[in-house]
């Protein structure tokens, strides 16, 4: 079987997804290709899906600004993706376009990969910074683990409350302002920065101050350009363990690949290879 895969979004020209998925195809000994499909906002997503069907696409990834916009055009949506309210992976199966969300799954896999001992703990306390689409996915995925509390710090309380309403488990959630969260940092085992603050070209910014950080927390940032954000640099200086954003990128792609091919694939040495590619940018 030949796997015809791709990424739709705008813009997509600098995406590393082709490198990641071509590596997965090679590692899994499968035939296929992965294309960048730049979709101008004026173009109809419905027309794009017709074109991809005619071109026999197996599936595709979805990035900004279409993770939510694509949903009405799909035939089916996985329960988890519907719950999150965003789709980043689509497969054509049995005559239907079916949407999934692998972002949160990818974050948890990255965390387990780098710090397996933490997920084995009970009563884990988490602080989620930000309340966008990535935060929604990570919140939903963490609910599946033995997490006792997931607090949310965000500029807008309303958006954070929308995420907390997803909770169908016993996970406890309080909402804080960014300033309030700075005073509570030592209460958490894991702190996750999910906004685009600190991304190039504004890489010198940090979403919050870590001045009060004293405990050996795990500090995560989903931004991967630059790979070592100012937020992570400050955390490391204060003795924290860090989780860089390129691992979430890699593992959410791994899960998408599994959905398309129904085959498990190892990341092998791709962790370091992807890190080197990003550091060279």
Foldseek 3Di string as FASTA:
>chain_A
DEAEEEEEEPPCVPDCLQVLVVVQCVQVVHHYGYYYDYDPPVDDPLVVVVVCVVVPHQWYFYDPPCQQVCVVNWPEEDPLCVLLRGFGIWGQDPNTIYTYFLLLVLVVVLCCVVPVVLLVDAQAEEEEEDQDSSSLSVLSSCLVTRYAEYEYEYQDQVSRVSSVVSDPDNYHYDYHYLVVVLQVVQVGQEYEYEDCQCAPPNQCGDPHDNVVDADQHEYEYLHVHVQCGNNNVNSVVNNHHYRTNVSSVSRSSQVSVCVSPVDHGDCVCVVVVVNVVNVVD
